[in-house]
């Protein structure tokens, strides 16, 4: 879901392809090569890739590092929503991909 304060959207009968593909990542023991290519393009601030995101988290500048974390989400209770304004409660499960940089970790990239 991303922003825990944002109202959940209904896209049925469609789904957002990138969101759908990313949903499957934590279920696999080996990460898909497409995701490493996606991360590499994020590090390059590739405009075509940044357009896939709702907002550019890097303001058009290439980030120095990226990482991927896996979270467990659940809907907030009414009491939690009233107290915090957050519609989702998330708990970090693990770091799926440790911090990567194009300059400092070139040997760790599995993309060919």
PDB file of N, CA and C in Angstrom:
ATOM      1  N   UNK A   1       0.785  -1.220   0.000  1.00  0.00           N
ATOM      2  CA  UNK A   1       0.000   0.000   0.000  1.00  0.00           C
ATOM      3  C   UNK A   1       0.823   1.279   0.000  1.00  0.00           C
ATOM      4  N   UNK A   2       2.060   1.262   0.500  1.00  0.00           N
ATOM      5  CA  UNK A   2       2.856   2.492   0.504  1.00  0.00           C
ATOM      6  C   UNK A   2       2.444   3.413   1.627  1.00  0.00           C
ATOM      7  N   UNK A   3       1.872   4.580   1.277  1.00  0.00           N
ATOM      8  CA  UNK A   3       1.455   5.577   2.261  1.00  0.00           C
ATOM      9  C   UNK A   3       0.350   4.996   3.142  1.00  0.00           C
ATOM     10  N   UNK A   4       0.632   4.872   4.435  1.00  0.00           N
ATOM     11  CA  UNK A   4      -0.324   4.241   5.347  1.00  0.00           C
ATOM     12  C   UNK A   4      -1.545   5.113   5.618  1.00  0.00           C
ATOM     13  N   UNK A   5      -1.515   6.392   5.216  1.00  0.00           N
ATOM     14  CA  UNK A   5      -2.661   7.282   5.412  1.00  0.00           C
ATOM     15  C   UNK A   5      -3.576   7.347   4.185  1.00  0.00           C
ATOM     16  N   UNK A   6      -3.120   6.800   3.076  1.00  0.00           N
ATOM     17  CA  UNK A   6      -3.867   6.895   1.824  1.00  0.00           C
ATOM     18  C   UNK A   6      -5.016   5.889   1.792  1.00  0.00           C
ATOM     19  N   UNK A   7      -6.157   6.338   1.313  1.00  0.00           N
ATOM     20  CA  UNK A   7      -7.332   5.492   1.176  1.00  0.00           C
ATOM     21  C   UNK A   7      -7.063   4.398   0.150  1.00  0.00           C
ATOM     22  N   UNK A   8      -7.382   3.135   0.462  1.00  0.00           N
ATOM     23  CA  UNK A   8      -7.176   2.058  -0.519  1.00  0.00           C
ATOM     24  C   UNK A   8      -7.995   2.316  -1.781  1.00  0.00           C
ATOM     25  N   UNK A   9      -7.421   2.026  -2.930  1.00  0.00           N
ATOM     26  CA  UNK A   9      -8.082   2.242  -4.213  1.00  0.00           C
ATOM     27  C   UNK A   9      -8.657   0.931  -4.741  1.00  0.00           C
ATOM     28  N   UNK A  10      -9.714   1.057  -5.522  1.00  0.00           N
ATOM     29  CA  UNK A  10     -10.333  -0.096  -6.168  1.00  0.00           C
ATOM     30  C   UNK A  10     -10.078   0.010  -7.662  1.00  0.00           C
ATOM     31  N   UNK A  11      -9.403  -0.971  -8.226  1.00  0.00           N
ATOM     32  CA  UNK A  11      -9.062  -0.957  -9.650  1.00  0.00           C
ATOM     33  C   UNK A  11      -9.747  -2.086 -10.414  1.00  0.00           C
ATOM     34  N   UNK A  12     -10.551  -2.886  -9.750  1.00  0.00           N
ATOM     35  CA  UNK A  12     -11.170  -4.058 -10.386  1.00  0.00           C
ATOM     36  C   UNK A  12     -11.981  -3.645 -11.606  1.00  0.00           C
ATOM     37  N   UNK A  13     -11.992  -4.413 -12.643  1.00  0.00           N
ATOM     38  CA  UNK A  13     -11.391  -5.737 -12.742  1.00  0.00           C
ATOM     39  C   UNK A  13      -9.914  -5.696 -13.129  1.00  0.00           C
ATOM     40  N   UNK A  14      -9.288  -4.542 -13.023  1.00  0.00           N
ATOM     41  CA  UNK A  14      -7.887  -4.402 -13.415  1.00  0.00           C
ATOM     42  C   UNK A  14      -6.993  -4.417 -12.183  1.00  0.00           C
ATOM     43  N   UNK A  15      -5.710  -4.553 -12.413  1.00  0.00           N
ATOM     44  CA  UNK A  15      -4.740  -4.392 -11.335  1.00  0.00           C
ATOM     45  C   UNK A  15      -3.518  -3.677 -11.900  1.00  0.00           C
ATOM     46  N   UNK A  16      -2.801  -3.025 -11.033  1.00  0.00           N
ATOM     47  CA  UNK A  16      -1.601  -2.312 -11.446  1.00  0.00           C
ATOM     48  C   UNK A  16      -0.474  -3.328 -11.580  1.00  0.00           C
ATOM     49  N   UNK A  17       0.085  -3.441 -12.759  1.00  0.00           N
ATOM     50  CA  UNK A  17       1.031  -4.518 -13.062  1.00  0.00           C
ATOM     51  C   UNK A  17       2.268  -4.493 -12.157  1.00  0.00           C
ATOM     52  N   UNK A  18       2.888  -3.331 -11.960  1.00  0.00           N
ATOM     53  CA  UNK A  18       4.085  -3.269 -11.121  1.00  0.00           C
ATOM     54  C   UNK A  18       3.754  -3.687  -9.687  1.00  0.00           C
ATOM     55  N   UNK A  19       2.652  -3.173  -9.154  1.00  0.00           N
ATOM     56  CA  UNK A  19       2.235  -3.557  -7.800  1.00  0.00           C
ATOM     57  C   UNK A  19       2.012  -5.062  -7.710  1.00  0.00           C
ATOM     58  N   UNK A  20       1.380  -5.615  -8.723  1.00  0.00           N
ATOM     59  CA  UNK A  20       1.076  -7.042  -8.742  1.00  0.00           C
ATOM     60  C   UNK A  20       2.353  -7.872  -8.778  1.00  0.00           C
ATOM     61  N   UNK A  21       3.303  -7.479  -9.626  1.00  0.00           N
ATOM     62  CA  UNK A  21       4.571  -8.209  -9.708  1.00  0.00           C
ATOM     63  C   UNK A  21       5.351  -8.122  -8.395  1.00  0.00           C
ATOM     64  N   UNK A  22       5.340  -6.932  -7.782  1.00  0.00           N
ATOM     65  CA  UNK A  22       6.081  -6.758  -6.534  1.00  0.00           C
ATOM     66  C   UNK A  22       5.440  -7.532  -5.382  1.00  0.00           C
ATOM     67  N   UNK A  23       4.134  -7.749  -5.453  1.00  0.00           N
ATOM     68  CA  UNK A  23       3.445  -8.499  -4.410  1.00  0.00           C
ATOM     69  C   UNK A  23       4.017  -9.903  -4.296  1.00  0.00           C
ATOM     70  N   UNK A  24       4.456 -10.474  -5.422  1.00  0.00           N
ATOM     71  CA  UNK A  24       4.970 -11.841  -5.429  1.00  0.00           C
ATOM     72  C   UNK A  24       6.418 -11.951  -4.952  1.00  0.00           C
ATOM     73  N   UNK A  25       7.164 -10.871  -4.918  1.00  0.00           N
ATOM     74  CA  UNK A  25       8.587 -10.944  -4.576  1.00  0.00           C
ATOM     75  C   UNK A  25       8.871 -11.616  -3.234  1.00  0.00           C
ATOM     76  N   UNK A  26       8.189 -11.271  -2.152  1.00  0.00           N
ATOM     77  CA  UNK A  26       8.510 -11.920  -0.869  1.00  0.00           C
ATOM     78  C   UNK A  26       8.156 -13.410  -0.826  1.00  0.00           C
ATOM     79  N   UNK A  27       7.363 -13.872  -1.764  1.00  0.00           N
ATOM     80  CA  UNK A  27       6.954 -15.275  -1.770  1.00  0.00           C
ATOM     81  C   UNK A  27       8.002 -16.183  -2.399  1.00  0.00           C
ATOM     82  N   UNK A  28       8.981 -15.594  -3.044  1.00  0.00           N
ATOM     83  CA  UNK A  28       9.999 -16.371  -3.741  1.00  0.00           C
ATOM     84  C   UNK A  28      11.279 -16.444  -2.904  1.00  0.00           C
ATOM     85  N   UNK A  29      12.055 -17.492  -3.099  1.00  0.00           N
ATOM     86  CA  UNK A  29      13.336 -17.595  -2.404  1.00  0.00           C
ATOM     87  C   UNK A  29      14.449 -16.951  -3.224  1.00  0.00           C
ATOM     88  N   UNK A  30      14.244 -16.829  -4.523  1.00  0.00           N
ATOM     89  CA  UNK A  30      15.219 -16.176  -5.401  1.00  0.00           C
ATOM     90  C   UNK A  30      14.529 -14.973  -6.022  1.00  0.00           C
ATOM     91  N   UNK A  31      15.187 -13.826  -5.979  1.00  0.00           N
ATOM     92  CA  UNK A  31      14.581 -12.625  -6.545  1.00  0.00           C
ATOM     93  C   UNK A  31      14.636 -12.658  -8.058  1.00  0.00           C
ATOM     94  N   UNK A  32      13.640 -12.094  -8.631  1.00  0.00           N
ATOM     95  CA  UNK A  32      13.532 -12.027 -10.080  1.00  0.00           C
ATOM     96  C   UNK A  32      14.552 -11.035 -10.631  1.00  0.00           C
ATOM     97  N   UNK A  33      15.128 -11.366 -11.768  1.00  0.00           N
ATOM     98  CA  UNK A  33      16.097 -10.459 -12.395  1.00  0.00           C
ATOM     99  C   UNK A  33      15.465  -9.128 -12.758  1.00  0.00           C
ATOM    100  N   UNK A  34      14.164  -9.125 -13.115  1.00  0.00           N
ATOM    101  CA  UNK A  34      13.525  -7.877 -13.499  1.00  0.00           C
ATOM    102  C   UNK A  34      13.575  -6.871 -12.345  1.00  0.00           C
ATOM    103  N   UNK A  35      13.504  -7.373 -11.096  1.00  0.00           N
ATOM    104  CA  UNK A  35      13.487  -6.454  -9.963  1.00  0.00           C
ATOM    105  C   UNK A  35      14.850  -5.799  -9.762  1.00  0.00           C
ATOM    106  N   UNK A  36      15.924  -6.556  -9.968  1.00  0.00           N
ATOM    107  CA  UNK A  36      17.255  -5.954  -9.892  1.00  0.00           C
ATOM    108  C   UNK A  36      17.449  -4.939 -11.017  1.00  0.00           C
ATOM    109  N   UNK A  37      16.933  -5.232 -12.199  1.00  0.00           N
ATOM    110  CA  UNK A  37      17.001  -4.269 -13.305  1.00  0.00           C
ATOM    111  C   UNK A  37      16.204  -3.017 -12.949  1.00  0.00           C
ATOM    112  N   UNK A  38      15.041  -3.194 -12.306  1.00  0.00           N
ATOM    113  CA  UNK A  38      14.221  -2.078 -11.848  1.00  0.00           C
ATOM    114  C   UNK A  38      14.998  -1.216 -10.847  1.00  0.00           C
ATOM    115  N   UNK A  39      15.654  -1.862  -9.882  1.00  0.00           N
ATOM    116  CA  UNK A  39      16.447  -1.120  -8.892  1.00  0.00           C
ATOM    117  C   UNK A  39      17.601  -0.369  -9.545  1.00  0.00           C
ATOM    118  N   UNK A  40      18.264  -1.000 -10.513  1.00  0.00           N
ATOM    119  CA  UNK A  40      19.366  -0.334 -11.219  1.00  0.00           C
ATOM    120  C   UNK A  40      18.858   0.903 -11.940  1.00  0.00           C
ATOM    121  N   UNK A  41      17.692   0.808 -12.563  1.00  0.00           N
ATOM    122  CA  UNK A  41      17.119   1.965 -13.268  1.00  0.00           C
ATOM    123  C   UNK A  41      16.682   3.046 -12.280  1.00  0.00           C
ATOM    124  N   UNK A  42      16.234   2.656 -11.098  1.00  0.00           N
ATOM    125  CA  UNK A  42      15.933   3.658 -10.064  1.00  0.00           C
ATOM    126  C   UNK A  42      17.200   4.410  -9.678  1.00  0.00           C
ATOM    127  N   UNK A  43      18.304   3.680  -9.533  1.00  0.00           N
ATOM    128  CA  UNK A  43      19.581   4.310  -9.180  1.00  0.00           C
ATOM    129  C   UNK A  43      20.077   5.249 -10.275  1.00  0.00           C
ATOM    130  N   UNK A  44      19.657   5.014 -11.500  1.00  0.00           N
ATOM    131  CA  UNK A  44      20.015   5.897 -12.614  1.00  0.00           C
ATOM    132  C   UNK A  44      19.010   7.031 -12.783  1.00  0.00           C
ATOM    133  N   UNK A  45      17.924   7.008 -12.004  1.00  0.00           N
ATOM    134  CA  UNK A  45      16.825   7.973 -12.121  1.00  0.00           C
ATOM    135  C   UNK A  45      16.271   7.981 -13.543  1.00  0.00           C
ATOM    136  N   UNK A  46      16.107   6.804 -14.116  1.00  0.00           N
ATOM    137  CA  UNK A  46      15.567   6.659 -15.466  1.00  0.00           C
ATOM    138  C   UNK A  46      14.125   7.178 -15.493  1.00  0.00           C
ATOM    139  N   UNK A  47      13.844   8.207 -16.308  1.00  0.00           N
ATOM    140  CA  UNK A  47      12.503   8.801 -16.313  1.00  0.00           C
ATOM    141  C   UNK A  47      11.397   7.810 -16.685  1.00  0.00           C
ATOM    142  N   UNK A  48      11.692   6.853 -17.549  1.00  0.00           N
ATOM    143  CA  UNK A  48      10.671   5.865 -17.937  1.00  0.00           C
ATOM    144  C   UNK A  48      10.279   4.996 -16.745  1.00  0.00           C
ATOM    145  N   UNK A  49      11.244   4.661 -15.913  1.00  0.00           N
ATOM    146  CA  UNK A  49      10.960   3.837 -14.737  1.00  0.00           C
ATOM    147  C   UNK A  49      10.289   4.672 -13.651  1.00  0.00           C
ATOM    148  N   UNK A  50      10.737   5.901 -13.468  1.00  0.00           N
ATOM    149  CA  UNK A  50      10.140   6.763 -12.442  1.00  0.00           C
ATOM    150  C   UNK A  50       8.676   7.055 -12.737  1.00  0.00           C
ATOM    151  N   UNK A  51       8.282   7.045 -14.021  1.00  0.00           N
ATOM    152  CA  UNK A  51       6.875   7.267 -14.375  1.00  0.00           C
ATOM    153  C   UNK A  51       5.981   6.107 -13.923  1.00  0.00           C
ATOM    154  N   UNK A  52       6.564   4.961 -13.639  1.00  0.00           N
ATOM    155  CA  UNK A  52       5.781   3.829 -13.143  1.00  0.00           C
ATOM    156  C   UNK A  52       5.347   4.025 -11.692  1.00  0.00           C
ATOM    157  N   UNK A  53       6.007   4.939 -10.992  1.00  0.00           N
ATOM    158  CA  UNK A  53       5.716   5.186  -9.583  1.00  0.00           C
ATOM    159  C   UNK A  53       4.692   6.305  -9.452  1.00  0.00           C
ATOM    160  N   UNK A  54       3.920   6.280  -8.391  1.00  0.00           N
ATOM    161  CA  UNK A  54       2.915   7.329  -8.151  1.00  0.00           C
ATOM    162  C   UNK A  54       3.582   8.701  -8.043  1.00  0.00           C
ATOM    163  N   UNK A  55       4.667   8.756  -7.295  1.00  0.00           N
ATOM    164  CA  UNK A  55       5.464   9.979  -7.184  1.00  0.00           C
ATOM    165  C   UNK A  55       6.935   9.594  -7.248  1.00  0.00           C
ATOM    166  N   UNK A  56       7.755  10.535  -7.650  1.00  0.00           N
ATOM    167  CA  UNK A  56       9.201  10.308  -7.709  1.00  0.00           C
ATOM    168  C   UNK A  56       9.770  10.544  -6.311  1.00  0.00           C
ATOM    169  N   UNK A  57      10.181   9.493  -5.615  1.00  0.00           N
ATOM    170  CA  UNK A  57      10.683   9.676  -4.252  1.00  0.00           C
ATOM    171  C   UNK A  57      12.043  10.361  -4.196  1.00  0.00           C
ATOM    172  N   UNK A  58      12.665  10.568  -5.354  1.00  0.00           N
ATOM    173  CA  UNK A  58      14.017  11.120  -5.390  1.00  0.00           C
ATOM    174  C   UNK A  58      14.071  12.506  -6.028  1.00  0.00           C
ATOM    175  N   UNK A  59      12.927  13.099  -6.338  1.00  0.00           N
ATOM    176  CA  UNK A  59      12.854  14.436  -6.943  1.00  0.00           C
ATOM    177  C   UNK A  59      13.719  14.561  -8.190  1.00  0.00           C
ATOM    178  N   UNK A  60      13.748  13.514  -9.013  1.00  0.00           N
ATOM    179  CA  UNK A  60      14.480  13.559 -10.275  1.00  0.00           C
ATOM    180  C   UNK A  60      15.972  13.333 -10.166  1.00  0.00           C
ATOM    181  N   UNK A  61      16.483  13.236  -8.957  1.00  0.00           N
ATOM    182  CA  UNK A  61      17.917  13.014  -8.749  1.00  0.00           C
ATOM    183  C   UNK A  61      18.182  11.530  -8.532  1.00  0.00           C
ATOM    184  N   UNK A  62      19.288  11.012  -9.044  1.00  0.00           N
ATOM    185  CA  UNK A  62      19.592   9.603  -8.778  1.00  0.00           C
ATOM    186  C   UNK A  62      19.933   9.389  -7.302  1.00  0.00           C
ATOM    187  N   UNK A  63      19.329   8.403  -6.664  1.00  0.00           N
ATOM    188  CA  UNK A  63      19.680   8.124  -5.268  1.00  0.00           C
ATOM    189  C   UNK A  63      21.049   7.455  -5.203  1.00  0.00           C
ATOM    190  N   UNK A  64      21.680   7.546  -4.066  1.00  0.00           N
ATOM    191  CA  UNK A  64      22.976   6.887  -3.883  1.00  0.00           C
ATOM    192  C   UNK A  64      22.796   5.405  -3.577  1.00  0.00           C
ATOM    193  N   UNK A  65      21.727   5.070  -2.862  1.00  0.00           N
ATOM    194  CA  UNK A  65      21.480   3.697  -2.429  1.00  0.00           C
ATOM    195  C   UNK A  65      19.997   3.378  -2.572  1.00  0.00           C
ATOM    196  N   UNK A  66      19.681   2.112  -2.791  1.00  0.00           N
ATOM    197  CA  UNK A  66      18.304   1.617  -2.714  1.00  0.00           C
ATOM    198  C   UNK A  66      18.330   0.287  -1.964  1.00  0.00           C
ATOM    199  N   UNK A  67      17.209  -0.046  -1.347  1.00  0.00           N
ATOM    200  CA  UNK A  67      17.058  -1.335  -0.684  1.00  0.00           C
ATOM    201  C   UNK A  67      15.582  -1.711  -0.770  1.00  0.00           C
ATOM    202  N   UNK A  68      15.297  -2.953  -0.482  1.00  0.00           N
ATOM    203  CA  UNK A  68      13.911  -3.428  -0.490  1.00  0.00           C
ATOM    204  C   UNK A  68      13.626  -4.091   0.849  1.00  0.00           C
ATOM    205  N   UNK A  69      12.547  -3.666   1.458  1.00  0.00           N
ATOM    206  CA  UNK A  69      12.113  -4.240   2.727  1.00  0.00           C
ATOM    207  C   UNK A  69      10.751  -4.900   2.530  1.00  0.00           C
ATOM    208  N   UNK A  70      10.513  -5.956   3.275  1.00  0.00           N
ATOM    209  CA  UNK A  70       9.225  -6.641   3.224  1.00  0.00           C
ATOM    210  C   UNK A  70       8.432  -6.272   4.478  1.00  0.00           C
ATOM    211  N   UNK A  71       7.173  -5.877   4.270  1.00  0.00           N
ATOM    212  CA  UNK A  71       6.293  -5.494   5.369  1.00  0.00           C
ATOM    213  C   UNK A  71       5.042  -6.360   5.361  1.00  0.00           C
ATOM    214  N   UNK A  72       4.473  -6.558   6.527  1.00  0.00           N
ATOM    215  CA  UNK A  72       3.164  -7.174   6.672  1.00  0.00           C
ATOM    216  C   UNK A  72       2.187  -6.035   6.941  1.00  0.00           C
ATOM    217  N   UNK A  73       1.135  -5.927   6.129  1.00  0.00           N
ATOM    218  CA  UNK A  73       0.130  -4.874   6.280  1.00  0.00           C
ATOM    219  C   UNK A  73      -1.178  -5.472   6.777  1.00  0.00           C
ATOM    220  N   UNK A  74      -1.891  -4.681   7.554  1.00  0.00           N
ATOM    221  CA  UNK A  74      -3.263  -5.007   7.926  1.00  0.00           C
ATOM    222  C   UNK A  74      -4.026  -3.693   8.020  1.00  0.00           C
ATOM    223  N   UNK A  75      -5.343  -3.777   7.860  1.00  0.00           N
ATOM    224  CA  UNK A  75      -6.148  -2.575   8.013  1.00  0.00           C
ATOM    225  C   UNK A  75      -6.122  -2.136   9.474  1.00  0.00           C
ATOM    226  N   UNK A  76      -6.091  -0.838   9.684  1.00  0.00           N
ATOM    227  CA  UNK A  76      -6.150  -0.299  11.044  1.00  0.00           C
ATOM    228  C   UNK A  76      -7.558  -0.499  11.602  1.00  0.00           C
ATOM    229  N   UNK A  77      -7.641  -0.678  12.898  1.00  0.00           N
ATOM    230  CA  UNK A  77      -8.953  -0.716  13.546  1.00  0.00           C
ATOM    231  C   UNK A  77      -9.505   0.708  13.561  1.00  0.00           C
ATOM    232  N   UNK A  78     -10.788   0.851  13.868  1.00  0.00           N
ATOM    233  CA  UNK A  78     -11.372   2.200  13.947  1.00  0.00           C
ATOM    234  C   UNK A  78     -10.647   3.044  14.991  1.00  0.00           C
ATOM    235  N   UNK A  79     -10.341   2.423  16.122  1.00  0.00           N
ATOM    236  CA  UNK A  79      -9.651   3.155  17.193  1.00  0.00           C
ATOM    237  C   UNK A  79      -8.269   3.615  16.725  1.00  0.00           C
ATOM    238  N   UNK A  80      -7.543   2.740  16.045  1.00  0.00           N
ATOM    239  CA  UNK A  80      -6.214   3.113  15.534  1.00  0.00           C
ATOM    240  C   UNK A  80      -6.328   4.229  14.503  1.00  0.00           C
ATOM    241  N   UNK A  81      -7.326   4.126  13.622  1.00  0.00           N
ATOM    242  CA  UNK A  81      -7.513   5.154  12.596  1.00  0.00           C
ATOM    243  C   UNK A  81      -7.845   6.501  13.231  1.00  0.00           C
ATOM    244  N   UNK A  82      -8.728   6.512  14.218  1.00  0.00           N
ATOM    245  CA  UNK A  82      -9.080   7.769  14.890  1.00  0.00           C
ATOM    246  C   UNK A  82      -7.866   8.384  15.586  1.00  0.00           C
ATOM    247  N   UNK A  83      -7.057   7.537  16.186  1.00  0.00           N
ATOM    248  CA  UNK A  83      -5.901   8.022  16.939  1.00  0.00           C
ATOM    249  C   UNK A  83      -4.781   8.521  16.027  1.00  0.00           C
ATOM    250  N   UNK A  84      -4.524   7.810  14.923  1.00  0.00           N
ATOM    251  CA  UNK A  84      -3.347   8.117  14.101  1.00  0.00           C
ATOM    252  C   UNK A  84      -3.662   8.680  12.724  1.00  0.00           C
ATOM    253  N   UNK A  85      -4.882   8.439  12.222  1.00  0.00           N
ATOM    254  CA  UNK A  85      -5.208   8.840  10.856  1.00  0.00           C
ATOM    255  C   UNK A  85      -4.668   7.868   9.814  1.00  0.00           C
ATOM    256  N   UNK A  86      -4.065   6.802  10.261  1.00  0.00           N
ATOM    257  CA  UNK A  86      -3.496   5.813   9.343  1.00  0.00           C
ATOM    258  C   UNK A  86      -4.512   4.712   9.068  1.00  0.00           C
ATOM    259  N   UNK A  87      -4.672   4.371   7.794  1.00  0.00           N
ATOM    260  CA  UNK A  87      -5.614   3.329   7.386  1.00  0.00           C
ATOM    261  C   UNK A  87      -4.980   1.943   7.422  1.00  0.00           C
ATOM    262  N   UNK A  88      -3.659   1.905   7.376  1.00  0.00           N
ATOM    263  CA  UNK A  88      -2.907   0.651   7.393  1.00  0.00           C
ATOM    264  C   UNK A  88      -1.975   0.636   8.595  1.00  0.00           C
ATOM    265  N   UNK A  89      -1.753  -0.542   9.128  1.00  0.00           N
ATOM    266  CA  UNK A  89      -0.720  -0.747  10.146  1.00  0.00           C
ATOM    267  C   UNK A  89       0.270  -1.713   9.513  1.00  0.00           C
ATOM    268  N   UNK A  90       1.528  -1.333   9.526  1.00  0.00           N
ATOM    269  CA  UNK A  90       2.516  -2.210   8.902  1.00  0.00           C
ATOM    270  C   UNK A  90       3.611  -2.573   9.893  1.00  0.00           C
ATOM    271  N   UNK A  91       4.117  -3.783   9.708  1.00  0.00           N
ATOM    272  CA  UNK A  91       5.200  -4.304  10.523  1.00  0.00           C
ATOM    273  C   UNK A  91       6.291  -4.775   9.584  1.00  0.00           C
ATOM    274  N   UNK A  92       7.500  -4.269   9.787  1.00  0.00           N
ATOM    275  CA  UNK A  92       8.599  -4.715   8.933  1.00  0.00           C
ATOM    276  C   UNK A  92       8.944  -6.152   9.278  1.00  0.00           C
ATOM    277  N   UNK A  93       8.989  -6.999   8.241  1.00  0.00           N
ATOM    278  CA  UNK A  93       9.325  -8.409   8.440  1.00  0.00           C
ATOM    279  C   UNK A  93      10.819  -8.648   8.311  1.00  0.00           C
ATOM    280  N   UNK A  94      11.396  -8.175   7.208  1.00  0.00           N
ATOM    281  CA  UNK A  94      12.821  -8.385   6.974  1.00  0.00           C
ATOM    282  C   UNK A  94      13.288  -7.478   5.846  1.00  0.00           C
ATOM    283  N   UNK A  95      14.579  -7.374   5.727  1.00  0.00           N
ATOM    284  CA  UNK A  95      15.168  -6.637   4.615  1.00  0.00           C
ATOM    285  C   UNK A  95      15.338  -7.627   3.469  1.00  0.00           C
ATOM    286  N   UNK A  96      14.557  -7.464   2.417  1.00  0.00           N
ATOM    287  CA  UNK A  96      14.573  -8.408   1.299  1.00  0.00           C
ATOM    288  C   UNK A  96      15.839  -8.266   0.462  1.00  0.00           C
ATOM    289  N   UNK A  97      16.243  -7.031   0.236  1.00  0.00           N
ATOM    290  CA  UNK A  97      17.469  -6.761  -0.523  1.00  0.00           C
ATOM    291  C   UNK A  97      18.231  -5.687   0.238  1.00  0.00           C
ATOM    292  N   UNK A  98      19.468  -5.960   0.640  1.00  0.00           N
ATOM    293  CA  UNK A  98      20.243  -4.970   1.396  1.00  0.00           C
ATOM    294  C   UNK A  98      20.576  -3.762   0.524  1.00  0.00           C
ATOM    295  N   UNK A  99      21.038  -2.676   1.127  1.00  0.00           N
ATOM    296  CA  UNK A  99      21.359  -1.482   0.350  1.00  0.00           C
ATOM    297  C   UNK A  99      22.320  -1.782  -0.805  1.00  0.00           C
ATOM    298  N   UNK A 100      21.953  -1.276  -1.976  1.00  0.00           N
ATOM    299  CA  UNK A 100      22.756  -1.440  -3.187  1.00  0.00           C
ATOM    300  C   UNK A 100      23.039  -0.077  -3.796  1.00  0.00           C
ATOM    301  N   UNK A 101      24.196   0.053  -4.389  1.00  0.00           N
ATOM    302  CA  UNK A 101      24.601   1.279  -5.068  1.00  0.00           C
ATOM    303  C   UNK A 101      25.268   0.884  -6.377  1.00  0.00           C
ATOM    304  N   UNK A 102      25.065   1.677  -7.404  1.00  0.00           N
ATOM    305  CA  UNK A 102      25.718   1.376  -8.684  1.00  0.00           C
ATOM    306  C   UNK A 102      27.230   1.488  -8.571  1.00  0.00           C
ATOM    307  N   UNK A 103      27.699   2.427  -7.754  1.00  0.00           N
ATOM    308  CA  UNK A 103      29.144   2.661  -7.651  1.00  0.00           C
ATOM    309  C   UNK A 103      29.836   1.747  -6.658  1.00  0.00           C
ATOM    310  N   UNK A 104      29.163   1.418  -5.573  1.00  0.00           N
ATOM    311  CA  UNK A 104      29.867   0.753  -4.473  1.00  0.00           C
ATOM    312  C   UNK A 104      29.609  -0.742  -4.359  1.00  0.00           C
ATOM    313  N   UNK A 105      28.638  -1.266  -5.071  1.00  0.00           N
ATOM    314  CA  UNK A 105      28.370  -2.701  -4.967  1.00  0.00           C
ATOM    315  C   UNK A 105      28.194  -3.341  -6.342  1.00  0.00           C
ATOM    316  N   UNK A 106      29.075  -3.041  -7.304  1.00  0.00           N
ATOM    317  CA  UNK A 106      28.858  -3.573  -8.652  1.00  0.00           C
ATOM    318  C   UNK A 106      28.896  -5.087  -8.726  1.00  0.00           C
ATOM    319  N   UNK A 107      29.677  -5.751  -7.884  1.00  0.00           N
ATOM    320  CA  UNK A 107      29.762  -7.199  -7.936  1.00  0.00           C
ATOM    321  C   UNK A 107      28.531  -7.906  -7.399  1.00  0.00           C
ATOM    322  N   UNK A 108      27.652  -7.168  -6.723  1.00  0.00           N
ATOM    323  CA  UNK A 108      26.474  -7.782  -6.119  1.00  0.00           C
ATOM    324  C   UNK A 108      25.273  -7.772  -7.054  1.00  0.00           C
ATOM    325  N   UNK A 109      25.403  -7.135  -8.202  1.00  0.00           N
ATOM    326  CA  UNK A 109      24.266  -7.054  -9.114  1.00  0.00           C
ATOM    327  C   UNK A 109      24.157  -8.332  -9.919  1.00  0.00           C
ATOM    328  N   UNK A 110      23.049  -9.054  -9.798  1.00  0.00           N
ATOM    329  CA  UNK A 110      22.896 -10.283 -10.561  1.00  0.00           C
ATOM    330  C   UNK A 110      22.397 -10.055 -11.982  1.00  0.00           C
ATOM    331  N   UNK A 111      22.139  -8.817 -12.356  1.00  0.00           N
ATOM    332  CA  UNK A 111      21.609  -8.523 -13.692  1.00  0.00           C
ATOM    333  C   UNK A 111      22.716  -8.656 -14.715  1.00  0.00           C
ATOM    334  N   UNK A 112      22.420  -9.319 -15.805  1.00  0.00           N
ATOM    335  CA  UNK A 112      23.407  -9.492 -16.879  1.00  0.00           C
ATOM    336  C   UNK A 112      23.192  -8.456 -17.948  1.00  0.00           C
TER     337      UNK A 112
END
